[in-house]
Amino acid sequence: MSAYIVFMREKTLNQSELEAYWSKVQSTMQGYSLKVLAAYGRHQTLEGPDVEGVVIAEFPTLEEAREWYDSPAYQEAAKHRFHGAVYRGLIVDGV
């Protein structure tokens, strides 16, 4: 069953840290079967507080999504994201 990682950027703190993250994150995807379905495109908030941007990535399984997220390569890149903005992130199983 497919699983999806969803990141929602709530507030930018440091643009240069975000740019460092974006320059590193692509290489963390090598060796994983993931497909980015949406990345900071136009969005409309229907409920709750608005967000600055949304990323949705599809993985074959929840376990592989978690494996990528926990990987040393991604965690090294994510340090820049943590300094660059306030995000909400989750993994959800598909149906």
PDB file of N, CA and C in Angstrom:
ATOM      1  N   MET A   1       0.848  -1.173   0.000  1.00  0.00           N
ATOM      2  CA  MET A   1       0.000   0.000   0.000  1.00  0.00           C
ATOM      3  C   MET A   1       0.895   1.239   0.000  1.00  0.00           C
ATOM      4  N   SER A   2       0.603   2.170  -0.876  1.00  0.00           N
ATOM      5  CA  SER A   2       1.372   3.420  -0.935  1.00  0.00           C
ATOM      6  C   SER A   2       1.223   4.217   0.353  1.00  0.00           C
ATOM      7  N   ALA A   3       2.233   5.033   0.615  1.00  0.00           N
ATOM      8  CA  ALA A   3       2.206   5.942   1.759  1.00  0.00           C
ATOM      9  C   ALA A   3       2.683   7.302   1.269  1.00  0.00           C
ATOM     10  N   TYR A   4       2.294   8.325   1.979  1.00  0.00           N
ATOM     11  CA  TYR A   4       2.576   9.700   1.563  1.00  0.00           C
ATOM     12  C   TYR A   4       3.206  10.475   2.707  1.00  0.00           C
ATOM     13  N   ILE A   5       4.290  11.170   2.399  1.00  0.00           N
ATOM     14  CA  ILE A   5       4.847  12.136   3.337  1.00  0.00           C
ATOM     15  C   ILE A   5       4.304  13.488   2.925  1.00  0.00           C
ATOM     16  N   VAL A   6       3.794  14.226   3.890  1.00  0.00           N
ATOM     17  CA  VAL A   6       3.257  15.561   3.651  1.00  0.00           C
ATOM     18  C   VAL A   6       3.998  16.528   4.568  1.00  0.00           C
ATOM     19  N   PHE A   7       4.597  17.546   3.976  1.00  0.00           N
ATOM     20  CA  PHE A   7       5.223  18.623   4.737  1.00  0.00           C
ATOM     21  C   PHE A   7       4.458  19.902   4.449  1.00  0.00           C
ATOM     22  N   MET A   8       4.144  20.652   5.497  1.00  0.00           N
ATOM     23  CA  MET A   8       3.478  21.943   5.360  1.00  0.00           C
ATOM     24  C   MET A   8       4.361  22.998   6.012  1.00  0.00           C
ATOM     25  N   ARG A   9       4.814  23.963   5.221  1.00  0.00           N
ATOM     26  CA  ARG A   9       5.634  25.041   5.771  1.00  0.00           C
ATOM     27  C   ARG A   9       4.709  26.097   6.345  1.00  0.00           C
ATOM     28  N   GLU A  10       4.810  26.305   7.663  1.00  0.00           N
ATOM     29  CA  GLU A  10       3.942  27.245   8.343  1.00  0.00           C
ATOM     30  C   GLU A  10       4.523  28.648   8.381  1.00  0.00           C
ATOM     31  N   LYS A  11       5.860  28.753   8.574  1.00  0.00           N
ATOM     32  CA  LYS A  11       6.461  30.070   8.689  1.00  0.00           C
ATOM     33  C   LYS A  11       7.948  29.995   8.361  1.00  0.00           C
ATOM     34  N   THR A  12       8.395  30.841   7.452  1.00  0.00           N
ATOM     35  CA  THR A  12       9.809  30.916   7.110  1.00  0.00           C
ATOM     36  C   THR A  12      10.551  31.702   8.192  1.00  0.00           C
ATOM     37  N   LEU A  13      11.695  31.145   8.607  1.00  0.00           N
ATOM     38  CA  LEU A  13      12.537  31.793   9.613  1.00  0.00           C
ATOM     39  C   LEU A  13      13.834  32.324   9.003  1.00  0.00           C
ATOM     40  N   ASN A  14      14.399  31.567   8.046  1.00  0.00           N
ATOM     41  CA  ASN A  14      15.686  31.917   7.466  1.00  0.00           C
ATOM     42  C   ASN A  14      15.741  31.370   6.037  1.00  0.00           C
ATOM     43  N   GLN A  15      15.585  32.250   5.063  1.00  0.00           N
ATOM     44  CA  GLN A  15      15.518  31.834   3.665  1.00  0.00           C
ATOM     45  C   GLN A  15      16.796  31.130   3.199  1.00  0.00           C
ATOM     46  N   SER A  16      17.951  31.585   3.648  1.00  0.00           N
ATOM     47  CA  SER A  16      19.198  30.957   3.196  1.00  0.00           C
ATOM     48  C   SER A  16      19.320  29.519   3.717  1.00  0.00           C
ATOM     49  N   GLU A  17      18.800  29.245   4.896  1.00  0.00           N
ATOM     50  CA  GLU A  17      18.793  27.861   5.404  1.00  0.00           C
ATOM     51  C   GLU A  17      17.852  26.992   4.570  1.00  0.00           C
ATOM     52  N   LEU A  18      16.712  27.534   4.175  1.00  0.00           N
ATOM     53  CA  LEU A  18      15.805  26.773   3.308  1.00  0.00           C
ATOM     54  C   LEU A  18      16.459  26.480   1.970  1.00  0.00           C
ATOM     55  N   GLU A  19      17.153  27.444   1.415  1.00  0.00           N
ATOM     56  CA  GLU A  19      17.827  27.232   0.134  1.00  0.00           C
ATOM     57  C   GLU A  19      18.924  26.179   0.260  1.00  0.00           C
ATOM     58  N   ALA A  20      19.626  26.146   1.387  1.00  0.00           N
ATOM     59  CA  ALA A  20      20.625  25.098   1.625  1.00  0.00           C
ATOM     60  C   ALA A  20      19.940  23.727   1.673  1.00  0.00           C
ATOM     61  N   TYR A  21      18.800  23.642   2.337  1.00  0.00           N
ATOM     62  CA  TYR A  21      18.030  22.397   2.384  1.00  0.00           C
ATOM     63  C   TYR A  21      17.616  21.961   0.985  1.00  0.00           C
ATOM     64  N   TRP A  22      17.041  22.885   0.219  1.00  0.00           N
ATOM     65  CA  TRP A  22      16.573  22.538  -1.126  1.00  0.00           C
ATOM     66  C   TRP A  22      17.720  22.073  -2.010  1.00  0.00           C
ATOM     67  N   SER A  23      18.916  22.618  -1.812  1.00  0.00           N
ATOM     68  CA  SER A  23      20.058  22.205  -2.636  1.00  0.00           C
ATOM     69  C   SER A  23      20.548  20.805  -2.260  1.00  0.00           C
ATOM     70  N   LYS A  24      20.248  20.333  -1.064  1.00  0.00           N
ATOM     71  CA  LYS A  24      20.722  19.035  -0.596  1.00  0.00           C
ATOM     72  C   LYS A  24      19.680  17.919  -0.669  1.00  0.00           C
ATOM     73  N   VAL A  25      18.418  18.258  -0.620  1.00  0.00           N
ATOM     74  CA  VAL A  25      17.383  17.231  -0.450  1.00  0.00           C
ATOM     75  C   VAL A  25      17.272  16.304  -1.666  1.00  0.00           C
ATOM     76  N   GLN A  26      17.478  16.802  -2.853  1.00  0.00           N
ATOM     77  CA  GLN A  26      17.336  15.974  -4.061  1.00  0.00           C
ATOM     78  C   GLN A  26      18.237  14.738  -3.994  1.00  0.00           C
ATOM     79  N   SER A  27      19.478  14.910  -3.562  1.00  0.00           N
ATOM     80  CA  SER A  27      20.403  13.777  -3.530  1.00  0.00           C
ATOM     81  C   SER A  27      19.997  12.730  -2.488  1.00  0.00           C
ATOM     82  N   THR A  28      19.197  13.091  -1.492  1.00  0.00           N
ATOM     83  CA  THR A  28      18.762  12.126  -0.473  1.00  0.00           C
ATOM     84  C   THR A  28      17.738  11.145  -1.032  1.00  0.00           C
ATOM     85  N   MET A  29      17.180  11.445  -2.189  1.00  0.00           N
ATOM     86  CA  MET A  29      16.130  10.612  -2.774  1.00  0.00           C
ATOM     87  C   MET A  29      16.682   9.441  -3.584  1.00  0.00           C
ATOM     88  N   GLN A  30      17.979   9.479  -3.894  1.00  0.00           N
ATOM     89  CA  GLN A  30      18.595   8.406  -4.678  1.00  0.00           C
ATOM     90  C   GLN A  30      18.508   7.094  -3.909  1.00  0.00           C
ATOM     91  N   GLY A  31      18.099   6.047  -4.614  1.00  0.00           N
ATOM     92  CA  GLY A  31      17.973   4.733  -4.000  1.00  0.00           C
ATOM     93  C   GLY A  31      16.614   4.470  -3.381  1.00  0.00           C
ATOM     94  N   TYR A  32      15.731   5.450  -3.423  1.00  0.00           N
ATOM     95  CA  TYR A  32      14.372   5.285  -2.890  1.00  0.00           C
ATOM     96  C   TYR A  32      13.370   5.417  -4.031  1.00  0.00           C
ATOM     97  N   SER A  33      12.309   4.641  -3.930  1.00  0.00           N
ATOM     98  CA  SER A  33      11.239   4.700  -4.930  1.00  0.00           C
ATOM     99  C   SER A  33      10.202   5.706  -4.460  1.00  0.00           C
ATOM    100  N   LEU A  34      10.492   6.965  -4.690  1.00  0.00           N
ATOM    101  CA  LEU A  34       9.532   7.986  -4.286  1.00  0.00           C
ATOM    102  C   LEU A  34       9.203   8.869  -5.472  1.00  0.00           C
ATOM    103  N   LYS A  35       8.028   9.420  -5.404  1.00  0.00           N
ATOM    104  CA  LYS A  35       7.557  10.317  -6.460  1.00  0.00           C
ATOM    105  C   LYS A  35       6.995  11.565  -5.790  1.00  0.00           C
ATOM    106  N   VAL A  36       7.548  12.712  -6.138  1.00  0.00           N
ATOM    107  CA  VAL A  36       7.040  13.968  -5.602  1.00  0.00           C
ATOM    108  C   VAL A  36       5.774  14.322  -6.385  1.00  0.00           C
ATOM    109  N   LEU A  37       4.668  14.418  -5.687  1.00  0.00           N
ATOM    110  CA  LEU A  37       3.372  14.681  -6.318  1.00  0.00           C
ATOM    111  C   LEU A  37       3.023  16.166  -6.326  1.00  0.00           C
ATOM    112  N   ALA A  38       3.497  16.893  -5.326  1.00  0.00           N
ATOM    113  CA  ALA A  38       3.239  18.333  -5.242  1.00  0.00           C
ATOM    114  C   ALA A  38       4.400  18.964  -4.483  1.00  0.00           C
ATOM    115  N   ALA A  39       4.808  20.160  -4.931  1.00  0.00           N
ATOM    116  CA  ALA A  39       5.912  20.850  -4.262  1.00  0.00           C
ATOM    117  C   ALA A  39       5.743  22.355  -4.429  1.00  0.00           C
ATOM    118  N   TYR A  40       5.163  22.964  -3.422  1.00  0.00           N
ATOM    119  CA  TYR A  40       5.039  24.419  -3.335  1.00  0.00           C
ATOM    120  C   TYR A  40       4.251  25.036  -4.489  1.00  0.00           C
ATOM    121  N   GLY A  41       3.335  24.258  -5.039  1.00  0.00           N
ATOM    122  CA  GLY A  41       2.461  24.825  -6.063  1.00  0.00           C
ATOM    123  C   GLY A  41       1.366  25.660  -5.423  1.00  0.00           C
ATOM    124  N   ARG A  42       0.564  26.231  -6.260  1.00  0.00           N
ATOM    125  CA  ARG A  42      -0.568  27.028  -5.777  1.00  0.00           C
ATOM    126  C   ARG A  42      -1.475  26.141  -4.940  1.00  0.00           C
ATOM    127  N   HIS A  43      -1.949  26.657  -3.817  1.00  0.00           N
ATOM    128  CA  HIS A  43      -2.853  25.890  -2.966  1.00  0.00           C
ATOM    129  C   HIS A  43      -3.938  26.804  -2.406  1.00  0.00           C
ATOM    130  N   GLN A  44      -5.007  26.181  -1.968  1.00  0.00           N
ATOM    131  CA  GLN A  44      -6.097  26.898  -1.311  1.00  0.00           C
ATOM    132  C   GLN A  44      -6.379  26.215   0.014  1.00  0.00           C
ATOM    133  N   THR A  45      -6.296  26.971   1.090  1.00  0.00           N
ATOM    134  CA  THR A  45      -6.590  26.439   2.413  1.00  0.00           C
ATOM    135  C   THR A  45      -8.096  26.415   2.602  1.00  0.00           C
ATOM    136  N   LEU A  46      -8.616  25.260   2.932  1.00  0.00           N
ATOM    137  CA  LEU A  46     -10.054  25.109   3.131  1.00  0.00           C
ATOM    138  C   LEU A  46     -10.437  25.225   4.605  1.00  0.00           C
ATOM    139  N   GLU A  47      -9.569  24.739   5.488  1.00  0.00           N
ATOM    140  CA  GLU A  47      -9.855  24.765   6.921  1.00  0.00           C
ATOM    141  C   GLU A  47      -8.559  25.004   7.675  1.00  0.00           C
ATOM    142  N   GLY A  48      -8.651  25.614   8.834  1.00  0.00           N
ATOM    143  CA  GLY A  48      -7.486  25.836   9.671  1.00  0.00           C
ATOM    144  C   GLY A  48      -6.623  26.978   9.164  1.00  0.00           C
ATOM    145  N   PRO A  49      -5.505  27.218   9.861  1.00  0.00           N
ATOM    146  CA  PRO A  49      -4.628  28.324   9.467  1.00  0.00           C
ATOM    147  C   PRO A  49      -3.942  28.041   8.133  1.00  0.00           C
ATOM    148  N   ASP A  50      -3.720  29.091   7.370  1.00  0.00           N
ATOM    149  CA  ASP A  50      -3.049  28.963   6.081  1.00  0.00           C
ATOM    150  C   ASP A  50      -1.599  28.553   6.288  1.00  0.00           C
ATOM    151  N   VAL A  51      -1.017  27.946   5.286  1.00  0.00           N
ATOM    152  CA  VAL A  51       0.396  27.575   5.283  1.00  0.00           C
ATOM    153  C   VAL A  51       1.065  28.248   4.096  1.00  0.00           C
ATOM    154  N   GLU A  52       2.391  28.376   4.164  1.00  0.00           N
ATOM    155  CA  GLU A  52       3.147  29.002   3.076  1.00  0.00           C
ATOM    156  C   GLU A  52       3.358  28.056   1.897  1.00  0.00           C
ATOM    157  N   GLY A  53       3.412  26.766   2.161  1.00  0.00           N
ATOM    158  CA  GLY A  53       3.654  25.821   1.083  1.00  0.00           C
ATOM    159  C   GLY A  53       3.448  24.393   1.535  1.00  0.00           C
ATOM    160  N   VAL A  54       3.264  23.497   0.548  1.00  0.00           N
ATOM    161  CA  VAL A  54       2.983  22.089   0.815  1.00  0.00           C
ATOM    162  C   VAL A  54       3.817  21.234  -0.132  1.00  0.00           C
ATOM    163  N   VAL A  55       4.363  20.140   0.408  1.00  0.00           N
ATOM    164  CA  VAL A  55       5.043  19.126  -0.395  1.00  0.00           C
ATOM    165  C   VAL A  55       4.397  17.788  -0.076  1.00  0.00           C
ATOM    166  N   ILE A  56       4.102  17.014  -1.115  1.00  0.00           N
ATOM    167  CA  ILE A  56       3.551  15.667  -0.950  1.00  0.00           C
ATOM    168  C   ILE A  56       4.405  14.722  -1.779  1.00  0.00           C
ATOM    169  N   ALA A  57       4.927  13.672  -1.124  1.00  0.00           N
ATOM    170  CA  ALA A  57       5.729  12.664  -1.818  1.00  0.00           C
ATOM    171  C   ALA A  57       5.125  11.287  -1.571  1.00  0.00           C
ATOM    172  N   GLU A  58       5.074  10.484  -2.626  1.00  0.00           N
ATOM    173  CA  GLU A  58       4.510   9.134  -2.547  1.00  0.00           C
ATOM    174  C   GLU A  58       5.638   8.111  -2.455  1.00  0.00           C
ATOM    175  N   PHE A  59       5.478   7.150  -1.552  1.00  0.00           N
ATOM    176  CA  PHE A  59       6.407   6.044  -1.370  1.00  0.00           C
ATOM    177  C   PHE A  59       5.643   4.727  -1.526  1.00  0.00           C
ATOM    178  N   PRO A  60       6.333   3.642  -1.858  1.00  0.00           N
ATOM    179  CA  PRO A  60       5.641   2.354  -1.986  1.00  0.00           C
ATOM    180  C   PRO A  60       4.999   1.878  -0.676  1.00  0.00           C
ATOM    181  N   THR A  61       5.646   2.174   0.461  1.00  0.00           N
ATOM    182  CA  THR A  61       5.129   1.724   1.755  1.00  0.00           C
ATOM    183  C   THR A  61       5.431   2.780   2.818  1.00  0.00           C
ATOM    184  N   LEU A  62       4.711   2.680   3.925  1.00  0.00           N
ATOM    185  CA  LEU A  62       4.983   3.555   5.059  1.00  0.00           C
ATOM    186  C   LEU A  62       6.394   3.307   5.593  1.00  0.00           C
ATOM    187  N   GLU A  63       6.818   2.057   5.580  1.00  0.00           N
ATOM    188  CA  GLU A  63       8.150   1.723   6.084  1.00  0.00           C
ATOM    189  C   GLU A  63       9.248   2.377   5.248  1.00  0.00           C
ATOM    190  N   GLU A  64       9.093   2.386   3.921  1.00  0.00           N
ATOM    191  CA  GLU A  64      10.111   3.015   3.082  1.00  0.00           C
ATOM    192  C   GLU A  64      10.096   4.537   3.261  1.00  0.00           C
ATOM    193  N   ALA A  65       8.925   5.110   3.456  1.00  0.00           N
ATOM    194  CA  ALA A  65       8.853   6.552   3.712  1.00  0.00           C
ATOM    195  C   ALA A  65       9.607   6.881   4.996  1.00  0.00           C
ATOM    196  N   ARG A  66       9.394   6.091   6.018  1.00  0.00           N
ATOM    197  CA  ARG A  66      10.070   6.329   7.296  1.00  0.00           C
ATOM    198  C   ARG A  66      11.577   6.086   7.170  1.00  0.00           C
ATOM    199  N   GLU A  67      11.957   5.067   6.398  1.00  0.00           N
ATOM    200  CA  GLU A  67      13.372   4.774   6.180  1.00  0.00           C
ATOM    201  C   GLU A  67      14.074   5.969   5.529  1.00  0.00           C
ATOM    202  N   TRP A  68      13.429   6.565   4.513  1.00  0.00           N
ATOM    203  CA  TRP A  68      14.011   7.744   3.864  1.00  0.00           C
ATOM    204  C   TRP A  68      14.108   8.905   4.859  1.00  0.00           C
ATOM    205  N   TYR A  69      13.026   9.176   5.571  1.00  0.00           N
ATOM    206  CA  TYR A  69      13.015  10.291   6.514  1.00  0.00           C
ATOM    207  C   TYR A  69      14.103  10.124   7.578  1.00  0.00           C
ATOM    208  N   ASP A  70      14.281   8.925   8.083  1.00  0.00           N
ATOM    209  CA  ASP A  70      15.259   8.658   9.143  1.00  0.00           C
ATOM    210  C   ASP A  70      16.682   8.478   8.627  1.00  0.00           C
ATOM    211  N   SER A  71      16.869   8.422   7.317  1.00  0.00           N
ATOM    212  CA  SER A  71      18.201   8.165   6.765  1.00  0.00           C
ATOM    213  C   SER A  71      19.184   9.263   7.176  1.00  0.00           C
ATOM    214  N   PRO A  72      20.440   8.897   7.382  1.00  0.00           N
ATOM    215  CA  PRO A  72      21.451   9.910   7.729  1.00  0.00           C
ATOM    216  C   PRO A  72      21.540  11.031   6.690  1.00  0.00           C
ATOM    217  N   ALA A  73      21.413  10.686   5.421  1.00  0.00           N
ATOM    218  CA  ALA A  73      21.504  11.716   4.366  1.00  0.00           C
ATOM    219  C   ALA A  73      20.369  12.723   4.498  1.00  0.00           C
ATOM    220  N   TYR A  74      19.127  12.235   4.696  1.00  0.00           N
ATOM    221  CA  TYR A  74      18.015  13.179   4.812  1.00  0.00           C
ATOM    222  C   TYR A  74      18.110  13.982   6.105  1.00  0.00           C
ATOM    223  N   GLN A  75      18.452  13.332   7.194  1.00  0.00           N
ATOM    224  CA  GLN A  75      18.539  14.056   8.467  1.00  0.00           C
ATOM    225  C   GLN A  75      19.612  15.141   8.427  1.00  0.00           C
ATOM    226  N   GLU A  76      20.693  14.904   7.697  1.00  0.00           N
ATOM    227  CA  GLU A  76      21.722  15.933   7.542  1.00  0.00           C
ATOM    228  C   GLU A  76      21.159  17.137   6.778  1.00  0.00           C
ATOM    229  N   ALA A  77      20.425  16.870   5.695  1.00  0.00           N
ATOM    230  CA  ALA A  77      19.800  17.960   4.934  1.00  0.00           C
ATOM    231  C   ALA A  77      18.714  18.647   5.754  1.00  0.00           C
ATOM    232  N   ALA A  78      17.949  17.867   6.513  1.00  0.00           N
ATOM    233  CA  ALA A  78      16.814  18.408   7.271  1.00  0.00           C
ATOM    234  C   ALA A  78      17.243  19.400   8.338  1.00  0.00           C
ATOM    235  N   LYS A  79      18.483  19.325   8.807  1.00  0.00           N
ATOM    236  CA  LYS A  79      18.965  20.302   9.788  1.00  0.00           C
ATOM    237  C   LYS A  79      18.762  21.721   9.264  1.00  0.00           C
ATOM    238  N   HIS A  80      18.971  21.904   7.971  1.00  0.00           N
ATOM    239  CA  HIS A  80      18.787  23.232   7.376  1.00  0.00           C
ATOM    240  C   HIS A  80      17.304  23.610   7.343  1.00  0.00           C
ATOM    241  N   ARG A  81      16.446  22.627   7.082  1.00  0.00           N
ATOM    242  CA  ARG A  81      15.005  22.893   7.077  1.00  0.00           C
ATOM    243  C   ARG A  81      14.534  23.296   8.468  1.00  0.00           C
ATOM    244  N   PHE A  82      15.037  22.601   9.482  1.00  0.00           N
ATOM    245  CA  PHE A  82      14.649  22.913  10.859  1.00  0.00           C
ATOM    246  C   PHE A  82      15.042  24.340  11.238  1.00  0.00           C
ATOM    247  N   HIS A  83      16.190  24.815  10.731  1.00  0.00           N
ATOM    248  CA  HIS A  83      16.637  26.183  11.018  1.00  0.00           C
ATOM    249  C   HIS A  83      15.958  27.202  10.102  1.00  0.00           C
ATOM    250  N   GLY A  84      15.456  26.725   8.971  1.00  0.00           N
ATOM    251  CA  GLY A  84      14.915  27.629   7.979  1.00  0.00           C
ATOM    252  C   GLY A  84      13.445  27.969   8.121  1.00  0.00           C
ATOM    253  N   ALA A  85      12.683  27.078   8.747  1.00  0.00           N
ATOM    254  CA  ALA A  85      11.245  27.322   8.810  1.00  0.00           C
ATOM    255  C   ALA A  85      10.588  26.425   9.846  1.00  0.00           C
ATOM    256  N   VAL A  86       9.375  26.793  10.190  1.00  0.00           N
ATOM    257  CA  VAL A  86       8.516  25.953  11.025  1.00  0.00           C
ATOM    258  C   VAL A  86       7.679  25.111  10.064  1.00  0.00           C
ATOM    259  N   TYR A  87       7.789  23.809  10.198  1.00  0.00           N
ATOM    260  CA  TYR A  87       7.064  22.873   9.352  1.00  0.00           C
ATOM    261  C   TYR A  87       6.200  21.959  10.205  1.00  0.00           C
ATOM    262  N   ARG A  88       5.174  21.435   9.587  1.00  0.00           N
ATOM    263  CA  ARG A  88       4.418  20.315  10.114  1.00  0.00           C
ATOM    264  C   ARG A  88       4.618  19.192   9.112  1.00  0.00           C
ATOM    265  N   GLY A  89       4.902  17.977   9.587  1.00  0.00           N
ATOM    266  CA  GLY A  89       5.122  16.857   8.680  1.00  0.00           C
ATOM    267  C   GLY A  89       4.455  15.608   9.195  1.00  0.00           C
ATOM    268  N   LEU A  90       4.026  14.760   8.264  1.00  0.00           N
ATOM    269  CA  LEU A  90       3.392  13.511   8.647  1.00  0.00           C
ATOM    270  C   LEU A  90       3.543  12.484   7.540  1.00  0.00           C
ATOM    271  N   ILE A  91       3.376  11.232   7.921  1.00  0.00           N
ATOM    272  CA  ILE A  91       3.309  10.136   6.964  1.00  0.00           C
ATOM    273  C   ILE A  91       1.929   9.516   7.119  1.00  0.00           C
ATOM    274  N   VAL A  92       1.293   9.237   5.997  1.00  0.00           N
ATOM    275  CA  VAL A  92      -0.045   8.641   6.037  1.00  0.00           C
ATOM    276  C   VAL A  92      -0.109   7.497   5.016  1.00  0.00           C
ATOM    277  N   ASP A  93      -0.727   6.384   5.419  1.00  0.00           N
ATOM    278  CA  ASP A  93      -0.961   5.272   4.497  1.00  0.00           C
ATOM    279  C   ASP A  93      -2.036   5.645   3.497  1.00  0.00           C
ATOM    280  N   GLY A  94      -1.868   5.189   2.277  1.00  0.00           N
ATOM    281  CA  GLY A  94      -2.912   5.355   1.270  1.00  0.00           C
ATOM    282  C   GLY A  94      -4.014   4.316   1.467  1.00  0.00           C
ATOM    283  N   VAL A  95      -4.991   4.383   0.594  1.00  0.00           N
ATOM    284  CA  VAL A  95      -6.097   3.416   0.684  1.00  0.00           C
ATOM    285  C   VAL A  95      -6.086   2.493  -0.503  1.00  0.00           C
TER     286      VAL A  95
END
